[in-house]
Amino acid sequence: MDKEIKKQELNNLNERWEEKCECELKKTATQAVPGDGDAGAEIVFIGEAPGKSEDAQGRPFVGVAGKFLTEMLSAINLEREEVYITNIVKYRPPNNRDPLPEEKTACREWLLAELKIISPKLIIFLGRHAMNNFFPDLQISKAHGKLLIKVFKGMSTKYFFPLYHPAAALYDGSMREILMADFKKIPKVLKEIEKRQR
């Protein structure tokens, strides 16, 4: 599918879901924060939920963790505009608390519809909430930096790569090093996927 068509489809999808999403967080959030970036991206990053800056601007990962993410992307020669970034929950939880299971469920179809349109080669989870949304039994401490392969019904992407959340790494130097090291594996992971797809 042509990138412009995908872009239009995503815009339509977000407009539709902003009206129809029944997430309780809608009542307390300023606005919805849909995904953002290249509609034809090979890589989609999935975070947890919007924070204060995201809620104010209506874009994902624009706060401190977002700046760190942009920094890591440039370390592997990628611009933010070349990837697509979204969250499992599209509304900010009060005081940045963890999203509740029912909030994740309310936003799940929206996320899956985004992924279906973009159809990326690789989905990268930023943190345990994003990973557990697809792999409920895995622990981020054991799965980070490893390529996961799983077929999900109605989804063309079957390659997943969990990372620690940039926000967690900002305040913990050792975790920051692990995250940077894992992040630098992304180009290799993409090559590995290309090999498998031949």
N, C-alpha and C. Protein backbone atom coordinates (compact mmCIF):
# COMPACT_ATOMS: atom_id res chain seq x y z
N MET A 1 0.83 -1.19 0.00
CA MET A 1 0.00 0.00 0.00
C MET A 1 0.88 1.26 0.00
N ASP A 2 0.52 2.21 -0.80
CA ASP A 2 1.25 3.47 -0.92
C ASP A 2 1.26 4.23 0.41
N LYS A 3 2.40 4.88 0.71
CA LYS A 3 2.57 5.58 1.99
C LYS A 3 1.51 6.66 2.22
N GLU A 4 1.18 7.41 1.15
CA GLU A 4 0.17 8.47 1.28
C GLU A 4 -1.21 7.90 1.63
N ILE A 5 -1.52 6.76 1.03
CA ILE A 5 -2.80 6.10 1.32
C ILE A 5 -2.81 5.65 2.78
N LYS A 6 -1.68 5.06 3.22
CA LYS A 6 -1.57 4.62 4.62
C LYS A 6 -1.76 5.79 5.57
N LYS A 7 -1.15 6.92 5.21
CA LYS A 7 -1.22 8.12 6.05
C LYS A 7 -2.68 8.57 6.21
N GLN A 8 -3.38 8.59 5.07
CA GLN A 8 -4.79 8.98 5.07
C GLN A 8 -5.62 8.00 5.89
N GLU A 9 -5.33 6.72 5.71
CA GLU A 9 -6.06 5.68 6.47
C GLU A 9 -5.84 5.83 7.98
N LEU A 10 -4.60 6.16 8.36
CA LEU A 10 -4.30 6.35 9.79
C LEU A 10 -5.04 7.56 10.34
N ASN A 11 -5.06 8.66 9.56
CA ASN A 11 -5.80 9.86 9.99
C ASN A 11 -7.27 9.54 10.21
N ASN A 12 -7.85 8.82 9.25
CA ASN A 12 -9.27 8.44 9.36
C ASN A 12 -9.51 7.55 10.58
N LEU A 13 -8.59 6.60 10.75
CA LEU A 13 -8.67 5.66 11.87
C LEU A 13 -8.64 6.42 13.20
N ASN A 14 -7.68 7.34 13.34
CA ASN A 14 -7.55 8.08 14.60
C ASN A 14 -8.77 8.94 14.88
N GLU A 15 -9.30 9.58 13.84
CA GLU A 15 -10.52 10.39 14.02
C GLU A 15 -11.69 9.52 14.50
N ARG A 16 -11.81 8.35 13.85
CA ARG A 16 -12.91 7.44 14.18
C ARG A 16 -12.78 6.96 15.63
N TRP A 17 -11.56 6.56 16.00
CA TRP A 17 -11.35 6.01 17.33
C TRP A 17 -11.43 7.05 18.43
N GLU A 18 -11.04 8.28 18.11
CA GLU A 18 -11.15 9.33 19.14
C GLU A 18 -12.60 9.49 19.58
N GLU A 19 -13.51 9.26 18.64
CA GLU A 19 -14.94 9.32 18.98
C GLU A 19 -15.41 8.05 19.66
N LYS A 20 -14.97 6.91 19.12
CA LYS A 20 -15.58 5.66 19.57
C LYS A 20 -14.87 4.97 20.75
N CYS A 21 -13.64 5.37 21.05
CA CYS A 21 -12.89 4.71 22.14
C CYS A 21 -13.61 4.92 23.47
N GLU A 22 -13.77 3.84 24.22
CA GLU A 22 -14.51 3.93 25.48
C GLU A 22 -13.59 3.86 26.70
N CYS A 23 -12.34 4.25 26.51
CA CYS A 23 -11.38 4.22 27.60
C CYS A 23 -11.78 5.24 28.67
N GLU A 24 -11.81 4.80 29.92
CA GLU A 24 -12.19 5.67 31.04
C GLU A 24 -11.27 6.88 31.18
N LEU A 25 -10.03 6.73 30.72
CA LEU A 25 -9.04 7.80 30.86
C LEU A 25 -9.42 9.04 30.05
N LYS A 26 -10.31 8.85 29.10
CA LYS A 26 -10.80 9.95 28.27
C LYS A 26 -11.35 11.09 29.13
N LYS A 27 -11.94 10.71 30.26
CA LYS A 27 -12.60 11.69 31.14
C LYS A 27 -11.61 12.62 31.82
N THR A 28 -10.39 12.13 32.06
CA THR A 28 -9.41 12.93 32.80
C THR A 28 -8.31 13.50 31.91
N ALA A 29 -8.11 12.91 30.74
CA ALA A 29 -7.03 13.37 29.84
C ALA A 29 -7.45 14.64 29.09
N THR A 30 -6.46 15.42 28.66
CA THR A 30 -6.73 16.62 27.87
C THR A 30 -7.23 16.24 26.48
N GLN A 31 -6.56 15.24 25.89
CA GLN A 31 -6.88 14.81 24.53
C GLN A 31 -6.31 13.43 24.27
N ALA A 32 -6.72 12.84 23.15
CA ALA A 32 -6.15 11.55 22.75
C ALA A 32 -4.75 11.80 22.21
N VAL A 33 -3.88 10.81 22.37
CA VAL A 33 -2.54 10.89 21.81
C VAL A 33 -2.36 9.70 20.88
N PRO A 34 -2.74 9.86 19.60
CA PRO A 34 -2.56 8.74 18.66
C PRO A 34 -1.09 8.61 18.27
N GLY A 35 -0.80 7.55 17.52
CA GLY A 35 0.57 7.34 17.07
C GLY A 35 1.01 8.44 16.12
N ASP A 36 2.34 8.49 15.89
CA ASP A 36 2.91 9.58 15.12
C ASP A 36 4.16 9.08 14.40
N GLY A 37 4.35 9.54 13.18
CA GLY A 37 5.55 9.17 12.44
C GLY A 37 5.24 8.74 11.03
N ASP A 38 6.14 7.93 10.48
CA ASP A 38 6.06 7.50 9.09
C ASP A 38 5.05 6.36 8.94
N ALA A 39 4.01 6.62 8.16
CA ALA A 39 2.95 5.61 7.97
C ALA A 39 3.47 4.38 7.22
N GLY A 40 4.61 4.54 6.52
CA GLY A 40 5.19 3.39 5.80
C GLY A 40 6.42 2.84 6.50
N ALA A 41 6.54 3.11 7.80
CA ALA A 41 7.75 2.73 8.56
C ALA A 41 7.97 1.23 8.62
N GLU A 42 9.25 0.84 8.62
CA GLU A 42 9.62 -0.57 8.82
C GLU A 42 9.55 -0.93 10.30
N ILE A 43 9.74 0.11 11.15
CA ILE A 43 9.79 -0.11 12.59
C ILE A 43 8.70 0.69 13.29
N VAL A 44 7.96 0.01 14.17
CA VAL A 44 6.99 0.70 15.03
C VAL A 44 7.44 0.50 16.48
N PHE A 45 7.54 1.61 17.20
CA PHE A 45 7.84 1.56 18.63
C PHE A 45 6.52 1.69 19.39
N ILE A 46 6.33 0.81 20.36
CA ILE A 46 5.11 0.89 21.18
C ILE A 46 5.50 1.13 22.63
N GLY A 47 5.03 2.25 23.15
CA GLY A 47 5.26 2.58 24.57
C GLY A 47 4.04 2.21 25.38
N GLU A 48 3.98 2.82 26.57
CA GLU A 48 2.95 2.43 27.52
C GLU A 48 1.73 3.35 27.43
N ALA A 49 1.92 4.62 27.79
CA ALA A 49 0.81 5.58 27.80
C ALA A 49 1.38 6.98 27.73
N PRO A 50 0.60 7.95 27.29
CA PRO A 50 1.10 9.33 27.25
C PRO A 50 1.36 9.87 28.66
N GLY A 51 2.36 10.74 28.77
CA GLY A 51 2.64 11.45 30.03
C GLY A 51 2.12 12.87 29.92
N LYS A 52 2.61 13.73 30.79
CA LYS A 52 2.13 15.11 30.86
C LYS A 52 2.38 15.89 29.56
N SER A 53 3.62 15.84 29.05
CA SER A 53 3.95 16.59 27.81
C SER A 53 3.14 16.07 26.63
N GLU A 54 2.99 14.74 26.56
CA GLU A 54 2.25 14.11 25.46
C GLU A 54 0.78 14.52 25.50
N ASP A 55 0.23 14.53 26.71
CA ASP A 55 -1.18 14.90 26.91
C ASP A 55 -1.40 16.35 26.47
N ALA A 56 -0.42 17.20 26.74
CA ALA A 56 -0.54 18.61 26.37
C ALA A 56 -0.39 18.82 24.86
N GLN A 57 0.55 18.06 24.24
CA GLN A 57 0.85 18.29 22.82
C GLN A 57 0.09 17.37 21.86
N GLY A 58 -0.46 16.28 22.40
CA GLY A 58 -1.19 15.34 21.55
C GLY A 58 -0.30 14.48 20.66
N ARG A 59 0.99 14.37 21.05
CA ARG A 59 1.95 13.52 20.30
C ARG A 59 2.68 12.61 21.28
N PRO A 60 2.98 11.37 20.86
CA PRO A 60 3.67 10.45 21.78
C PRO A 60 5.17 10.78 21.89
N PHE A 61 5.73 10.48 23.05
CA PHE A 61 7.17 10.60 23.29
C PHE A 61 7.75 11.97 22.91
N VAL A 62 7.18 13.02 23.51
CA VAL A 62 7.72 14.36 23.28
C VAL A 62 8.37 14.93 24.55
N GLY A 63 8.28 14.19 25.66
CA GLY A 63 8.88 14.63 26.92
C GLY A 63 10.34 14.21 27.01
N VAL A 64 10.83 14.07 28.23
CA VAL A 64 12.23 13.73 28.46
C VAL A 64 12.57 12.35 27.88
N ALA A 65 11.67 11.37 28.10
CA ALA A 65 11.91 10.02 27.58
C ALA A 65 11.93 10.05 26.04
N GLY A 66 11.11 10.91 25.46
CA GLY A 66 11.07 11.06 24.01
C GLY A 66 12.37 11.63 23.45
N LYS A 67 12.94 12.58 24.18
CA LYS A 67 14.23 13.16 23.75
C LYS A 67 15.31 12.09 23.76
N PHE A 68 15.27 11.25 24.81
CA PHE A 68 16.24 10.16 24.92
C PHE A 68 16.05 9.16 23.78
N LEU A 69 14.80 8.89 23.45
CA LEU A 69 14.50 7.98 22.33
C LEU A 69 15.06 8.54 21.02
N THR A 70 14.86 9.84 20.79
CA THR A 70 15.38 10.49 19.58
C THR A 70 16.90 10.39 19.52
N GLU A 71 17.54 10.57 20.68
CA GLU A 71 19.00 10.47 20.81
C GLU A 71 19.47 9.06 20.42
N MET A 72 18.76 8.04 20.94
CA MET A 72 19.14 6.65 20.63
C MET A 72 18.91 6.34 19.16
N LEU A 73 17.85 6.88 18.58
CA LEU A 73 17.59 6.66 17.16
C LEU A 73 18.74 7.22 16.32
N SER A 74 19.20 8.41 16.68
CA SER A 74 20.28 9.00 15.88
C SER A 74 21.58 8.21 16.04
N ALA A 75 21.72 7.48 17.17
CA ALA A 75 22.90 6.64 17.37
C ALA A 75 22.93 5.47 16.37
N ILE A 76 21.75 5.10 15.83
CA ILE A 76 21.73 4.04 14.81
C ILE A 76 21.31 4.63 13.44
N ASN A 77 21.61 5.91 13.28
CA ASN A 77 21.35 6.63 12.01
C ASN A 77 19.90 6.63 11.56
N LEU A 78 19.01 6.80 12.51
CA LEU A 78 17.59 6.91 12.16
C LEU A 78 17.05 8.23 12.69
N GLU A 79 16.15 8.81 11.91
CA GLU A 79 15.45 10.02 12.36
C GLU A 79 14.12 9.57 12.93
N ARG A 80 13.60 10.36 13.84
CA ARG A 80 12.29 10.06 14.41
C ARG A 80 11.22 9.98 13.32
N GLU A 81 11.36 10.81 12.28
CA GLU A 81 10.38 10.86 11.19
C GLU A 81 10.37 9.58 10.34
N GLU A 82 11.40 8.74 10.51
CA GLU A 82 11.49 7.51 9.70
C GLU A 82 10.83 6.31 10.38
N VAL A 83 10.44 6.48 11.65
CA VAL A 83 9.80 5.37 12.37
C VAL A 83 8.40 5.81 12.78
N TYR A 84 7.65 4.90 13.35
CA TYR A 84 6.31 5.24 13.84
C TYR A 84 6.29 4.92 15.33
N ILE A 85 5.76 5.85 16.12
CA ILE A 85 5.76 5.70 17.57
C ILE A 85 4.33 5.80 18.08
N THR A 86 3.94 4.84 18.90
CA THR A 86 2.59 4.85 19.45
C THR A 86 2.62 4.28 20.87
N ASN A 87 1.46 4.21 21.51
CA ASN A 87 1.35 3.66 22.86
C ASN A 87 0.21 2.65 22.92
N ILE A 88 0.27 1.76 23.93
CA ILE A 88 -0.84 0.80 24.04
C ILE A 88 -2.10 1.49 24.54
N VAL A 89 -1.92 2.56 25.32
CA VAL A 89 -3.06 3.34 25.81
C VAL A 89 -2.95 4.75 25.23
N LYS A 90 -4.04 5.27 24.71
CA LYS A 90 -3.98 6.54 23.97
C LYS A 90 -4.31 7.78 24.80
N TYR A 91 -4.58 7.58 26.09
CA TYR A 91 -4.91 8.70 26.96
C TYR A 91 -4.03 8.65 28.21
N ARG A 92 -3.69 9.82 28.74
CA ARG A 92 -2.80 9.86 29.91
C ARG A 92 -3.49 9.38 31.18
N PRO A 93 -2.89 8.40 31.88
CA PRO A 93 -3.43 8.01 33.18
C PRO A 93 -3.13 9.11 34.21
N PRO A 94 -4.03 9.38 35.14
CA PRO A 94 -3.79 10.43 36.13
C PRO A 94 -2.48 10.21 36.90
N ASN A 95 -1.73 11.30 37.07
CA ASN A 95 -0.42 11.26 37.77
C ASN A 95 0.54 10.22 37.19
N ASN A 96 0.38 9.93 35.91
CA ASN A 96 1.27 8.97 35.22
C ASN A 96 1.29 7.58 35.87
N ARG A 97 0.20 7.20 36.51
CA ARG A 97 0.16 5.84 37.08
C ARG A 97 0.14 4.82 35.93
N ASP A 98 0.40 3.55 36.26
CA ASP A 98 0.36 2.49 35.24
C ASP A 98 -1.06 2.37 34.70
N PRO A 99 -1.20 2.10 33.39
CA PRO A 99 -2.54 1.89 32.85
C PRO A 99 -3.15 0.59 33.42
N LEU A 100 -4.44 0.63 33.68
CA LEU A 100 -5.14 -0.54 34.21
C LEU A 100 -5.49 -1.51 33.09
N PRO A 101 -5.69 -2.80 33.40
CA PRO A 101 -6.02 -3.78 32.36
C PRO A 101 -7.21 -3.37 31.49
N GLU A 102 -8.26 -2.80 32.12
CA GLU A 102 -9.45 -2.43 31.32
C GLU A 102 -9.16 -1.23 30.41
N GLU A 103 -8.21 -0.37 30.80
CA GLU A 103 -7.83 0.77 29.95
C GLU A 103 -7.05 0.26 28.74
N LYS A 104 -6.20 -0.72 28.99
CA LYS A 104 -5.44 -1.32 27.87
C LYS A 104 -6.40 -2.01 26.90
N THR A 105 -7.37 -2.73 27.47
CA THR A 105 -8.35 -3.43 26.64
C THR A 105 -9.16 -2.46 25.80
N ALA A 106 -9.56 -1.32 26.41
CA ALA A 106 -10.37 -0.33 25.69
C ALA A 106 -9.63 0.27 24.50
N CYS A 107 -8.30 0.34 24.59
CA CYS A 107 -7.51 0.95 23.51
C CYS A 107 -6.89 -0.09 22.56
N ARG A 108 -7.07 -1.37 22.88
CA ARG A 108 -6.36 -2.42 22.14
C ARG A 108 -6.72 -2.47 20.64
N GLU A 109 -8.01 -2.39 20.32
CA GLU A 109 -8.42 -2.46 18.91
C GLU A 109 -7.84 -1.31 18.09
N TRP A 110 -7.77 -0.15 18.72
CA TRP A 110 -7.18 1.04 18.08
C TRP A 110 -5.72 0.76 17.71
N LEU A 111 -4.97 0.22 18.68
CA LEU A 111 -3.56 -0.11 18.45
C LEU A 111 -3.42 -1.15 17.34
N LEU A 112 -4.21 -2.21 17.40
CA LEU A 112 -4.12 -3.27 16.40
C LEU A 112 -4.46 -2.76 15.00
N ALA A 113 -5.42 -1.83 14.93
CA ALA A 113 -5.80 -1.25 13.63
C ALA A 113 -4.65 -0.40 13.07
N GLU A 114 -3.95 0.33 13.95
CA GLU A 114 -2.77 1.11 13.52
C GLU A 114 -1.72 0.18 12.93
N LEU A 115 -1.44 -0.90 13.65
CA LEU A 115 -0.41 -1.85 13.23
C LEU A 115 -0.77 -2.52 11.91
N LYS A 116 -2.05 -2.77 11.74
CA LYS A 116 -2.52 -3.42 10.51
C LYS A 116 -2.27 -2.52 9.29
N ILE A 117 -2.54 -1.22 9.44
CA ILE A 117 -2.33 -0.28 8.33
C ILE A 117 -0.83 -0.15 8.01
N ILE A 118 -0.01 0.04 9.05
CA ILE A 118 1.43 0.28 8.82
C ILE A 118 2.12 -1.00 8.37
N SER A 119 1.75 -2.10 8.97
CA SER A 119 2.32 -3.41 8.65
C SER A 119 3.86 -3.37 8.67
N PRO A 120 4.44 -3.02 9.83
CA PRO A 120 5.91 -2.88 9.89
C PRO A 120 6.62 -4.23 9.86
N LYS A 121 7.91 -4.18 9.57
CA LYS A 121 8.73 -5.39 9.60
C LYS A 121 8.97 -5.81 11.04
N LEU A 122 9.15 -4.79 11.91
CA LEU A 122 9.55 -5.04 13.28
C LEU A 122 8.77 -4.14 14.24
N ILE A 123 8.30 -4.74 15.34
CA ILE A 123 7.65 -3.97 16.39
C ILE A 123 8.57 -3.99 17.61
N ILE A 124 8.89 -2.80 18.11
CA ILE A 124 9.77 -2.70 19.27
C ILE A 124 8.95 -2.24 20.47
N PHE A 125 8.99 -3.04 21.53
CA PHE A 125 8.27 -2.69 22.75
C PHE A 125 9.16 -1.83 23.63
N LEU A 126 8.64 -0.71 24.09
CA LEU A 126 9.37 0.13 25.03
C LEU A 126 8.77 -0.11 26.42
N GLY A 127 9.37 -1.02 27.14
CA GLY A 127 8.90 -1.32 28.49
C GLY A 127 8.00 -2.54 28.59
N ARG A 128 7.80 -2.98 29.83
CA ARG A 128 7.09 -4.24 30.09
C ARG A 128 5.60 -4.17 29.75
N HIS A 129 4.98 -3.01 29.95
CA HIS A 129 3.54 -2.92 29.68
C HIS A 129 3.25 -3.20 28.21
N ALA A 130 4.05 -2.60 27.33
CA ALA A 130 3.86 -2.81 25.90
C ALA A 130 4.11 -4.28 25.55
N MET A 131 5.19 -4.84 26.09
CA MET A 131 5.53 -6.24 25.80
C MET A 131 4.44 -7.19 26.33
N ASN A 132 4.01 -6.97 27.58
CA ASN A 132 3.02 -7.87 28.18
C ASN A 132 1.66 -7.79 27.52
N ASN A 133 1.43 -6.73 26.77
CA ASN A 133 0.18 -6.61 26.02
C ASN A 133 0.10 -7.68 24.93
N PHE A 134 1.28 -8.11 24.45
CA PHE A 134 1.36 -9.14 23.41
C PHE A 134 1.92 -10.46 23.94
N PHE A 135 2.82 -10.36 24.91
CA PHE A 135 3.45 -11.54 25.49
C PHE A 135 3.25 -11.48 27.02
N PRO A 136 2.04 -11.84 27.49
CA PRO A 136 1.72 -11.65 28.91
C PRO A 136 2.60 -12.41 29.89
N ASP A 137 3.24 -13.50 29.45
CA ASP A 137 4.00 -14.32 30.39
C ASP A 137 5.49 -13.98 30.46
N LEU A 138 5.94 -13.07 29.62
CA LEU A 138 7.37 -12.77 29.60
C LEU A 138 7.74 -11.70 30.62
N GLN A 139 8.98 -11.80 31.10
CA GLN A 139 9.52 -10.76 32.00
C GLN A 139 10.51 -9.93 31.20
N ILE A 140 10.39 -8.61 31.30
CA ILE A 140 11.26 -7.71 30.53
C ILE A 140 12.73 -7.92 30.91
N SER A 141 13.00 -8.27 32.17
CA SER A 141 14.39 -8.46 32.61
C SER A 141 15.04 -9.63 31.87
N LYS A 142 14.23 -10.60 31.43
CA LYS A 142 14.77 -11.75 30.70
C LYS A 142 14.66 -11.60 29.18
N ALA A 143 13.66 -10.86 28.72
CA ALA A 143 13.38 -10.81 27.27
C ALA A 143 14.02 -9.62 26.55
N HIS A 144 14.45 -8.60 27.28
CA HIS A 144 14.96 -7.40 26.60
C HIS A 144 16.14 -7.74 25.69
N GLY A 145 16.17 -7.07 24.54
CA GLY A 145 17.29 -7.24 23.62
C GLY A 145 17.30 -8.55 22.86
N LYS A 146 16.17 -9.29 22.91
CA LYS A 146 16.09 -10.56 22.16
C LYS A 146 14.96 -10.48 21.13
N LEU A 147 15.20 -11.05 19.97
CA LEU A 147 14.18 -11.05 18.92
C LEU A 147 13.14 -12.13 19.25
N LEU A 148 11.88 -11.72 19.30
CA LEU A 148 10.78 -12.66 19.55
C LEU A 148 10.02 -12.85 18.24
N ILE A 149 9.63 -14.07 17.97
CA ILE A 149 8.89 -14.35 16.74
C ILE A 149 7.58 -15.05 17.10
N LYS A 150 6.48 -14.44 16.73
CA LYS A 150 5.18 -15.04 17.03
C LYS A 150 4.16 -14.54 16.01
N VAL A 151 3.29 -15.44 15.58
CA VAL A 151 2.24 -15.06 14.64
C VAL A 151 0.97 -14.76 15.43
N PHE A 152 0.43 -13.57 15.20
CA PHE A 152 -0.84 -13.19 15.83
C PHE A 152 -1.91 -13.12 14.75
N LYS A 153 -3.10 -13.55 15.11
CA LYS A 153 -4.21 -13.54 14.17
C LYS A 153 -4.51 -12.10 13.72
N GLY A 154 -4.66 -11.92 12.42
CA GLY A 154 -5.01 -10.60 11.88
C GLY A 154 -3.87 -9.60 11.85
N MET A 155 -2.63 -10.07 12.11
CA MET A 155 -1.48 -9.18 12.11
C MET A 155 -0.41 -9.70 11.19
N SER A 156 0.14 -8.82 10.32
CA SER A 156 1.15 -9.31 9.39
C SER A 156 2.54 -9.33 10.03
N THR A 157 2.76 -8.50 11.04
CA THR A 157 4.07 -8.46 11.70
C THR A 157 4.21 -9.63 12.65
N LYS A 158 5.36 -10.31 12.56
CA LYS A 158 5.56 -11.42 13.50
C LYS A 158 6.91 -11.32 14.23
N TYR A 159 7.60 -10.19 14.02
CA TYR A 159 8.90 -10.00 14.68
C TYR A 159 8.79 -8.88 15.71
N PHE A 160 9.25 -9.19 16.94
CA PHE A 160 9.11 -8.25 18.05
C PHE A 160 10.43 -8.17 18.82
N PHE A 161 10.72 -6.98 19.35
CA PHE A 161 11.98 -6.76 20.03
C PHE A 161 11.73 -5.91 21.29
N PRO A 162 11.76 -6.53 22.48
CA PRO A 162 11.48 -5.76 23.69
C PRO A 162 12.71 -5.01 24.21
N LEU A 163 12.48 -3.79 24.68
CA LEU A 163 13.52 -2.97 25.29
C LEU A 163 13.00 -2.43 26.62
N TYR A 164 13.92 -2.02 27.47
CA TYR A 164 13.48 -1.31 28.67
C TYR A 164 12.89 0.03 28.24
N HIS A 165 12.02 0.59 29.05
CA HIS A 165 11.41 1.88 28.72
C HIS A 165 12.45 2.98 28.92
N PRO A 166 12.55 3.92 27.95
CA PRO A 166 13.53 5.01 28.10
C PRO A 166 13.38 5.77 29.42
N ALA A 167 12.16 5.93 29.92
CA ALA A 167 11.95 6.67 31.17
C ALA A 167 12.63 5.96 32.35
N ALA A 168 12.58 4.62 32.35
CA ALA A 168 13.20 3.86 33.44
C ALA A 168 14.72 4.02 33.39
N ALA A 169 15.26 4.10 32.19
CA ALA A 169 16.71 4.17 32.02
C ALA A 169 17.27 5.57 32.31
N LEU A 170 16.42 6.57 32.25
CA LEU A 170 16.89 7.94 32.47
C LEU A 170 17.47 8.14 33.86
N TYR A 171 16.90 7.42 34.84
CA TYR A 171 17.30 7.63 36.23
C TYR A 171 18.17 6.52 36.77
N ASP A 172 18.57 5.61 35.91
CA ASP A 172 19.36 4.47 36.36
C ASP A 172 20.46 4.23 35.32
N GLY A 173 21.67 4.63 35.68
CA GLY A 173 22.80 4.57 34.75
C GLY A 173 23.05 3.19 34.16
N SER A 174 22.94 2.12 35.00
CA SER A 174 23.24 0.77 34.51
C SER A 174 22.18 0.34 33.49
N MET A 175 20.92 0.73 33.76
CA MET A 175 19.84 0.37 32.84
C MET A 175 19.99 1.14 31.52
N ARG A 176 20.47 2.36 31.64
CA ARG A 176 20.69 3.20 30.46
C ARG A 176 21.69 2.52 29.51
N GLU A 177 22.76 1.98 30.10
CA GLU A 177 23.78 1.28 29.30
C GLU A 177 23.19 0.05 28.61
N ILE A 178 22.38 -0.70 29.36
CA ILE A 178 21.74 -1.90 28.79
C ILE A 178 20.83 -1.49 27.63
N LEU A 179 20.04 -0.45 27.85
CA LEU A 179 19.10 0.01 26.82
C LEU A 179 19.85 0.47 25.57
N MET A 180 20.93 1.24 25.76
CA MET A 180 21.73 1.70 24.61
C MET A 180 22.30 0.51 23.84
N ALA A 181 22.83 -0.47 24.59
CA ALA A 181 23.41 -1.66 23.95
C ALA A 181 22.35 -2.44 23.17
N ASP A 182 21.17 -2.61 23.77
CA ASP A 182 20.07 -3.31 23.09
C ASP A 182 19.63 -2.53 21.86
N PHE A 183 19.56 -1.22 22.00
CA PHE A 183 19.10 -0.36 20.91
C PHE A 183 20.02 -0.49 19.70
N LYS A 184 21.31 -0.62 19.98
CA LYS A 184 22.29 -0.71 18.88
C LYS A 184 22.21 -2.03 18.13
N LYS A 185 21.43 -2.99 18.68
CA LYS A 185 21.24 -4.28 17.98
C LYS A 185 20.18 -4.15 16.88
N ILE A 186 19.39 -3.07 16.89
CA ILE A 186 18.25 -2.95 15.96
C ILE A 186 18.64 -3.13 14.49
N PRO A 187 19.71 -2.48 13.98
CA PRO A 187 20.06 -2.70 12.56
C PRO A 187 20.34 -4.18 12.25
N LYS A 188 21.02 -4.87 13.19
CA LYS A 188 21.32 -6.30 13.01
C LYS A 188 20.03 -7.11 12.98
N VAL A 189 19.11 -6.75 13.86
CA VAL A 189 17.83 -7.45 13.95
C VAL A 189 17.07 -7.31 12.63
N LEU A 190 17.09 -6.11 12.06
CA LEU A 190 16.41 -5.88 10.76
C LEU A 190 17.03 -6.74 9.66
N LYS A 191 18.37 -6.86 9.68
CA LYS A 191 19.06 -7.71 8.68
C LYS A 191 18.66 -9.16 8.84
N GLU A 192 18.57 -9.58 10.09
CA GLU A 192 18.17 -10.95 10.41
C GLU A 192 16.76 -11.24 9.87
N ILE A 193 15.85 -10.26 10.03
CA ILE A 193 14.48 -10.42 9.55
C ILE A 193 14.46 -10.52 8.03
N GLU A 194 15.25 -9.65 7.38
CA GLU A 194 15.32 -9.69 5.91
C GLU A 194 15.78 -11.07 5.42
N LYS A 195 16.78 -11.63 6.12
CA LYS A 195 17.28 -12.96 5.76
C LYS A 195 16.17 -14.00 5.88
N ARG A 196 15.42 -13.92 6.97
CA ARG A 196 14.34 -14.89 7.21
C ARG A 196 13.21 -14.73 6.20
N GLN A 197 13.05 -13.52 5.67
CA GLN A 197 11.94 -13.28 4.74
C GLN A 197 12.27 -13.63 3.29
N ARG A 198 13.54 -13.90 3.02
CA ARG A 198 13.94 -14.23 1.65
C ARG A 198 13.37 -15.55 1.21
